[in-house]
Each structure stands twice: as C-alpha cells, then as structure tokens.
C-alpha cells in the first residue's frame, strides 16, 4: 500500500506542476485537463475532491494554491504525528523489555 500511495502522491505533484506551469492558477486562466494532456484518473479526482483543483466552468480547472499548501501542511503534520507515535511505541517496547 505504501508504494501505491507514493505513486499517487507523485502524480498529484505532477498534476499541480502541470497546472502551475501552464499558468492555470485562477478562474480566468483555467485550462481543461485535455489541453494539458492530463487524464481524469484517481490523482486528478483526489485533487478536485480536496478543492486543490477547482472547476471554473466548461470543463476547465485551475490550481488553488492556498488549498494545495494547506493539504501539504496537513499531510506533513500527519507524518510527524505518525513518527512520534511510532517512536513512542518503540521506546515503550525497549523500556518494557
């Protein structure tokens, strides 16, 4: 599962880079996925669901930078919490042993 998650995250980063590179960062500059050579698979749908990619009408989308930064922050904090819990579990295991 970890490898699959890493692939999806990489694809999300690539999608964000595509929209950013095309300048599609506002409703006015929105582009269709087809214009950018992007398919609407899992990574795309995840970003739409999380409001990182927002629809501007007529099948065009744009990158919402604040939403992208917020999502990255949430993920970063989640990783930190998981590492702290893992470290605590290891520490408790060592002390109990």
Protein backbone atom coordinates (compact mmCIF):
# COMPACT_ATOMS: atom_id res chain seq x y z
CA UNK A 1 0.00 0.00 0.00
CA UNK A 2 2.87 2.40 0.76
CA UNK A 3 4.21 2.17 -2.78
CA UNK A 4 0.76 2.83 -4.26
CA UNK A 5 0.32 5.87 -2.02
CA UNK A 6 3.73 7.18 -3.07
CA UNK A 7 2.77 6.82 -6.75
CA UNK A 8 -0.50 8.70 -6.22
CA UNK A 9 1.27 11.48 -4.31
CA UNK A 10 3.87 11.77 -7.08
CA UNK A 11 1.10 12.03 -9.67
CA UNK A 12 -0.63 14.71 -7.60
CA UNK A 13 2.62 16.71 -7.50
CA UNK A 14 2.98 16.29 -11.27
CA UNK A 15 -0.60 17.47 -11.85
CA UNK A 16 -0.04 20.54 -9.68
CA UNK A 17 3.17 21.27 -11.58
CA UNK A 18 1.30 20.97 -14.90
CA UNK A 19 -1.38 23.46 -13.89
CA UNK A 20 1.18 25.80 -12.34
CA UNK A 21 3.42 25.56 -15.41
CA UNK A 22 0.50 26.38 -17.69
CA UNK A 23 -0.36 29.38 -15.55
CA UNK A 24 -3.77 27.89 -14.70
CA UNK A 25 -3.93 29.40 -11.23
CA UNK A 26 -7.15 31.42 -11.39
CA UNK A 27 -10.63 31.03 -12.87
CA UNK A 28 -9.64 33.36 -15.70
CA UNK A 29 -6.58 31.31 -16.69
CA UNK A 30 -8.22 27.91 -16.11
CA UNK A 31 -7.47 25.13 -18.60
CA UNK A 32 -9.09 21.83 -19.44
CA UNK A 33 -7.23 18.67 -18.50
CA UNK A 34 -7.23 17.74 -22.18
CA UNK A 35 -5.38 20.95 -23.06
CA UNK A 36 -2.68 19.97 -20.58
CA UNK A 37 -2.56 16.33 -21.65
CA UNK A 38 -3.91 15.17 -18.29
CA UNK A 39 -6.29 12.29 -17.72
CA UNK A 40 -9.01 12.48 -15.10
CA UNK A 41 -7.96 9.44 -13.11
CA UNK A 42 -7.54 8.91 -9.39
CA UNK A 43 -4.92 11.58 -8.63
CA UNK A 44 -6.88 14.21 -10.56
CA UNK A 45 -10.14 13.29 -8.83
CA UNK A 46 -8.46 13.38 -5.41
CA UNK A 47 -7.24 16.93 -6.05
CA UNK A 48 -10.69 18.01 -7.24
CA UNK A 49 -12.32 16.44 -4.16
CA UNK A 50 -9.86 18.30 -1.92
CA UNK A 51 -10.52 21.60 -3.75
CA UNK A 52 -6.90 21.85 -4.90
CA UNK A 53 -8.12 21.80 -8.49
CA UNK A 54 -11.26 23.86 -8.86
CA UNK A 55 -13.64 23.85 -11.77
CA UNK A 56 -14.08 27.19 -13.50
CA UNK A 57 -16.84 26.07 -15.86
CA UNK A 58 -16.90 24.48 -19.30
CA UNK A 59 -14.66 21.63 -18.11
CA UNK A 60 -11.80 23.97 -17.25
CA UNK A 61 -9.90 23.76 -13.95
CA UNK A 62 -7.35 25.85 -12.11
CA UNK A 63 -4.91 25.27 -9.29
CA UNK A 64 -5.97 26.78 -5.97
CA UNK A 65 -2.52 27.41 -4.43
CA UNK A 66 -3.77 28.07 -0.86
CA UNK A 67 -5.66 24.76 -0.87
CA UNK A 68 -2.57 22.95 -2.17
CA UNK A 69 -0.39 24.46 0.56
CA UNK A 70 -3.00 23.61 3.22
CA UNK A 71 -3.20 19.99 2.02
CA UNK A 72 0.59 19.69 2.10
CA UNK A 73 0.64 21.11 5.62
CA UNK A 74 -1.97 18.63 6.81
CA UNK A 75 -0.03 15.75 5.30
CA UNK A 76 3.22 16.99 6.84
CA UNK A 77 1.63 17.17 10.30
CA UNK A 78 0.14 13.71 9.88
CA UNK A 79 3.55 12.24 9.08
CA UNK A 80 5.03 13.93 12.14
CA UNK A 81 2.28 12.52 14.39
CA UNK A 82 2.75 9.01 12.98
CA UNK A 83 6.51 9.22 13.54
CA UNK A 84 6.03 10.40 17.12
CA UNK A 85 3.60 7.57 17.87
CA UNK A 86 5.96 5.05 16.27
CA UNK A 87 8.91 6.38 18.24
CA UNK A 88 6.87 6.26 21.48
CA UNK A 89 5.82 2.67 20.78
CA UNK A 90 9.43 1.65 20.16
CA UNK A 91 10.57 3.45 23.29
CA UNK A 92 7.88 1.77 25.40
CA UNK A 93 8.83 -1.59 23.89
CA UNK A 94 12.52 -1.07 24.72
CA UNK A 95 11.77 0.07 28.27
CA UNK A 96 9.39 -2.87 28.90
CA UNK A 97 11.83 -5.40 27.52
